[in-house]
Amino acid sequence: MRRIERVRVQVLSGVILLILAVAHCAMAQNLFINIDVAGSLDARFHGLEISATITGDVSLVGDISRGESTAWFSTEGSVNGVGFRSILTLISKGWILLSATGETVDGELIDIRSLLYAVRQSLIPLKAGDLFEGVHHTVIRIGGSVAVYWGEFAGTLVGGLAPAEIEGTIRLSGTGSFHLTGKLVPEADSADYPGTIPLDDPDLPEGFLQTIEEFFDPLFAQEPQDI
């Protein structure tokens, strides 16, 4: 990548972090996470439509407010998802599931699961240094406590073409840095999702929709307590 592109990515990431940090300070009962991801996207053409599968590894650091205290944590995990693009409308959209486990600085086990959704209209669907943003539904369990957060995420990606491992597909691989903020949704359960994430979209495969519906259930398997 050219030097000017690297500088542009660094500046964008810094601006995003500053903006979300200000929002983070202003929110009560909040969630703030920095996400580093390395992954790949395998795209396949279907006439004037493109479908894609997304996989990768993630590392997360952040904090979550717990009443008057704050729990700092570090976790590692994975992402998998699906994406679609219309060549006619130039609209790209994707649903991604993130799962990560780790510990807080106090040694408590933490399990984080998120559904991320992004939609954008652009001439080029993926370009290094572009700003990607969307919304999320996140469930966090710390010990016997569980809470649901809704909010936004934003970040940048760097990468390019890579050798395809699936016949008939085009592979893109790369890395990215994202910043996620969220606000507590009181009394939410595993069946509650924000209206900003369309689960009735006709492009969303039935199999992946079922995966989404079952994805958060383990965190609610035991009677939760308030965080």
Protein backbone atom coordinates (compact mmCIF):
# COMPACT_ATOMS: atom_id res chain seq x y z
CA MET A 1 0.00 0.00 0.00
CA ARG A 2 1.25 3.49 -0.77
CA ARG A 3 2.40 5.67 2.11
CA ILE A 4 -0.39 8.23 1.57
CA GLU A 5 -3.02 5.47 1.94
CA ARG A 6 -1.47 4.28 5.21
CA VAL A 7 -1.48 7.81 6.58
CA ARG A 8 -5.13 8.27 5.53
CA VAL A 9 -6.15 5.07 7.32
CA GLN A 10 -4.31 6.12 10.50
CA VAL A 11 -5.89 9.58 10.48
CA LEU A 12 -9.39 8.16 9.94
CA SER A 13 -8.95 5.64 12.76
CA GLY A 14 -7.74 8.42 15.07
CA VAL A 15 -10.71 10.64 14.26
CA ILE A 16 -13.17 7.76 14.78
CA LEU A 17 -11.61 6.90 18.14
CA LEU A 18 -11.80 10.54 19.28
CA ILE A 19 -15.45 10.91 18.28
CA LEU A 20 -16.53 7.66 19.90
CA ALA A 21 -14.48 8.39 23.01
CA VAL A 22 -16.42 11.62 23.50
CA ALA A 23 -19.69 9.73 23.07
CA HIS A 24 -18.41 7.09 25.47
CA CYS A 25 -17.82 9.64 28.22
CA ALA A 26 -21.31 11.07 27.78
CA MET A 27 -23.20 7.74 28.09
CA ALA A 28 -24.50 6.17 31.28
CA GLN A 29 -24.44 2.37 31.59
CA ASN A 30 -22.24 2.19 28.49
CA LEU A 31 -20.09 -0.17 26.50
CA PHE A 32 -16.92 0.84 24.69
CA ILE A 33 -14.80 -1.65 22.69
CA ASN A 34 -11.80 -1.43 20.37
CA ILE A 35 -11.82 -4.30 17.87
CA ASP A 36 -8.92 -5.53 15.74
CA VAL A 37 -9.86 -8.01 13.03
CA ALA A 38 -8.00 -10.12 10.47
CA GLY A 39 -10.11 -12.03 8.02
CA SER A 40 -11.30 -12.80 4.54
CA LEU A 41 -14.32 -12.41 2.29
CA ASP A 42 -15.20 -14.96 -0.39
CA ALA A 43 -17.46 -13.47 -3.07
CA ARG A 44 -19.50 -15.24 -5.72
CA PHE A 45 -21.39 -13.71 -8.67
CA HIS A 46 -25.05 -14.53 -9.33
CA GLY A 47 -26.00 -12.56 -12.43
CA LEU A 48 -26.30 -8.95 -11.26
CA GLU A 49 -25.93 -9.90 -7.59
CA ILE A 50 -22.89 -10.75 -5.49
CA SER A 51 -23.04 -12.87 -2.35
CA ALA A 52 -20.20 -13.31 0.12
CA THR A 53 -19.19 -15.23 3.20
CA ILE A 54 -17.04 -13.53 5.83
CA THR A 55 -14.71 -15.18 8.36
CA GLY A 56 -11.96 -13.92 10.63
CA ASP A 57 -10.31 -13.63 14.02
CA VAL A 58 -10.77 -10.73 16.41
CA SER A 59 -9.23 -9.30 19.57
CA LEU A 60 -11.18 -6.91 21.78
CA VAL A 61 -10.27 -4.54 24.59
CA GLY A 62 -12.70 -2.21 26.28
CA ASP A 63 -14.82 -1.46 29.28
CA ILE A 64 -18.38 -1.84 30.50
CA SER A 65 -20.10 0.24 33.16
CA ARG A 66 -21.54 -1.73 36.07
CA GLY A 67 -23.49 0.66 38.23
CA GLU A 68 -20.94 3.03 39.72
CA SER A 69 -17.95 0.87 38.75
CA THR A 70 -16.28 0.01 35.44
CA ALA A 71 -15.05 -3.40 34.31
CA TRP A 72 -12.10 -3.39 31.93
CA PHE A 73 -11.63 -6.48 29.79
CA SER A 74 -9.61 -8.16 27.06
CA THR A 75 -10.99 -10.97 24.87
CA GLU A 76 -10.28 -12.93 21.71
CA GLY A 77 -12.61 -14.68 19.34
CA SER A 78 -13.93 -14.96 15.82
CA VAL A 79 -16.39 -13.50 13.33
CA ASN A 80 -18.47 -15.05 10.59
CA GLY A 81 -21.13 -13.55 8.41
CA VAL A 82 -22.79 -13.03 5.06
CA GLY A 83 -22.85 -10.11 2.67
CA PHE A 84 -24.69 -9.09 -0.49
CA ARG A 85 -24.26 -6.46 -3.20
CA SER A 86 -26.50 -5.39 -6.04
CA ILE A 87 -24.62 -4.33 -9.16
CA LEU A 88 -27.67 -2.33 -10.28
CA THR A 89 -28.29 -0.35 -7.09
CA LEU A 90 -24.63 -0.37 -5.86
CA ILE A 91 -25.95 -1.20 -2.36
CA SER A 92 -23.86 -3.50 -0.18
CA LYS A 93 -25.08 -4.96 3.11
CA GLY A 94 -23.85 -7.51 5.59
CA TRP A 95 -24.69 -9.33 8.81
CA ILE A 96 -21.78 -10.47 10.97
CA LEU A 97 -21.73 -12.51 14.18
CA LEU A 98 -18.90 -11.88 16.64
CA SER A 99 -18.07 -14.17 19.54
CA ALA A 100 -15.25 -13.54 22.03
CA THR A 101 -14.28 -14.73 25.51
CA GLY A 102 -11.70 -13.59 28.02
CA GLU A 103 -11.32 -11.98 31.43
CA THR A 104 -11.77 -8.65 33.12
CA VAL A 105 -8.81 -7.07 34.88
CA ASP A 106 -10.32 -8.44 38.11
CA GLY A 107 -10.19 -12.00 36.80
CA GLU A 108 -13.90 -12.46 36.04
CA LEU A 109 -14.79 -14.52 32.99
CA ILE A 110 -16.50 -12.53 30.24
CA ASP A 111 -18.39 -13.73 27.17
CA ILE A 112 -19.25 -11.24 24.42
CA ARG A 113 -21.55 -11.95 21.48
CA SER A 114 -22.56 -9.38 18.89
CA LEU A 115 -24.65 -9.13 15.75
CA LEU A 116 -23.25 -6.39 13.50
CA TYR A 117 -25.10 -4.93 10.52
CA ALA A 118 -23.84 -2.49 7.92
CA VAL A 119 -25.31 -1.12 4.69
CA ARG A 120 -23.68 1.30 2.26
CA GLN A 121 -24.09 2.54 -1.31
CA SER A 122 -20.87 3.10 -3.22
CA LEU A 123 -19.36 2.64 -6.67
CA ILE A 124 -16.59 0.43 -5.25
CA PRO A 125 -17.84 -1.95 -2.51
CA LEU A 126 -14.50 -2.34 -0.68
CA LYS A 127 -11.63 0.12 -0.83
CA ALA A 128 -8.67 0.38 1.54
CA GLY A 129 -9.08 3.24 3.97
CA ASP A 130 -12.83 3.67 3.49
CA LEU A 131 -14.91 4.34 6.58
CA PHE A 132 -17.26 1.47 7.41
CA GLU A 133 -20.01 2.02 9.95
CA GLY A 134 -23.13 0.27 11.16
CA VAL A 135 -25.20 -0.81 14.13
CA HIS A 136 -24.98 -3.69 16.57
CA HIS A 137 -26.83 -5.84 19.09
CA THR A 138 -24.44 -7.06 21.81
CA VAL A 139 -24.98 -9.40 24.75
CA ILE A 140 -22.36 -9.64 27.50
CA ARG A 141 -22.17 -12.12 30.36
CA ILE A 142 -19.77 -11.49 33.24
CA GLY A 143 -19.99 -14.36 35.70
CA GLY A 144 -23.69 -14.74 36.42
CA SER A 145 -24.63 -11.30 35.16
CA VAL A 146 -25.88 -10.56 31.65
CA ALA A 147 -26.79 -7.36 29.82
CA VAL A 148 -27.86 -6.29 26.33
CA TYR A 149 -26.41 -3.26 24.54
CA TRP A 150 -27.44 -1.54 21.31
CA GLY A 151 -25.31 1.01 19.53
CA GLU A 152 -22.99 1.83 16.64
CA PHE A 153 -19.60 0.80 15.31
CA ALA A 154 -17.20 2.36 12.83
CA GLY A 155 -13.74 1.66 11.47
CA THR A 156 -11.46 1.12 8.49
CA LEU A 157 -10.15 -1.87 6.53
CA VAL A 158 -6.85 -2.49 4.73
CA GLY A 159 -6.33 -5.39 2.32
CA GLY A 160 -6.76 -6.69 -1.19
CA LEU A 161 -7.08 -9.73 -3.44
CA ALA A 162 -5.83 -13.08 -2.18
CA PRO A 163 -5.68 -16.58 -3.68
CA ALA A 164 -9.16 -18.10 -3.69
CA GLU A 165 -9.64 -21.29 -1.67
CA ILE A 166 -13.18 -21.97 -2.89
CA GLU A 167 -13.67 -22.71 -6.58
CA GLY A 168 -15.67 -20.06 -8.42
CA THR A 169 -15.12 -17.33 -5.84
CA ILE A 170 -13.00 -14.20 -5.47
CA ARG A 171 -11.21 -13.80 -2.14
CA LEU A 172 -10.38 -10.54 -0.41
CA SER A 173 -8.33 -10.60 2.77
CA GLY A 174 -7.09 -7.95 5.14
CA THR A 175 -7.14 -6.36 8.57
CA GLY A 176 -9.21 -3.69 10.22
CA SER A 177 -9.68 -1.59 13.33
CA PHE A 178 -13.14 -0.76 14.62
CA HIS A 179 -14.59 1.09 17.58
CA LEU A 180 -17.93 0.04 19.05
CA THR A 181 -20.11 1.89 21.54
CA GLY A 182 -23.37 0.80 23.09
CA LYS A 183 -26.05 1.74 25.57
CA LEU A 184 -27.71 -0.62 28.01
CA VAL A 185 -31.15 -1.91 27.01
CA PRO A 186 -32.95 -2.61 30.32
CA GLU A 187 -34.92 -5.86 30.64
CA ALA A 188 -34.01 -7.02 27.12
CA ASP A 189 -33.89 -10.76 26.45
CA SER A 190 -32.54 -13.09 23.78
CA ALA A 191 -35.50 -12.39 21.46
CA ASP A 192 -35.07 -8.60 21.43
CA TYR A 193 -33.23 -6.94 18.54
CA PRO A 194 -33.02 -3.29 17.48
CA GLY A 195 -35.27 -2.26 14.61
CA THR A 196 -32.19 -0.95 12.79
CA ILE A 197 -31.05 -4.53 12.08
CA PRO A 198 -33.38 -6.01 9.40
CA LEU A 199 -33.86 -9.70 10.07
CA ASP A 200 -36.71 -9.91 7.56
CA ASP A 201 -34.53 -8.92 4.60
CA PRO A 202 -35.21 -11.32 1.68
CA ASP A 203 -31.46 -11.58 0.98
CA LEU A 204 -30.73 -12.98 4.46
CA PRO A 205 -30.42 -16.77 4.10
CA GLU A 206 -32.81 -18.79 6.24
CA GLY A 207 -29.96 -20.89 7.59
CA PHE A 208 -28.00 -17.86 8.75
CA LEU A 209 -31.14 -16.32 10.26
CA GLN A 210 -31.58 -19.46 12.35
CA THR A 211 -27.95 -19.21 13.41
CA ILE A 212 -28.60 -15.63 14.56
CA GLU A 213 -31.69 -16.67 16.51
CA GLU A 214 -29.74 -19.38 18.36
CA PHE A 215 -26.48 -17.46 18.73
CA PHE A 216 -27.29 -15.59 21.96
CA ASP A 217 -29.27 -18.31 23.74
CA PRO A 218 -26.30 -19.79 25.68
CA LEU A 219 -25.74 -16.47 27.47
CA PHE A 220 -29.33 -16.57 28.74
CA ALA A 221 -29.25 -20.28 29.60
CA GLN A 222 -28.98 -19.51 33.32
CA GLU A 223 -31.15 -17.02 35.18
CA PRO A 224 -29.29 -13.71 34.61
CA GLN A 225 -28.63 -11.04 37.18
CA ASP A 226 -28.33 -7.34 36.46
CA ILE A 227 -24.92 -5.98 35.57
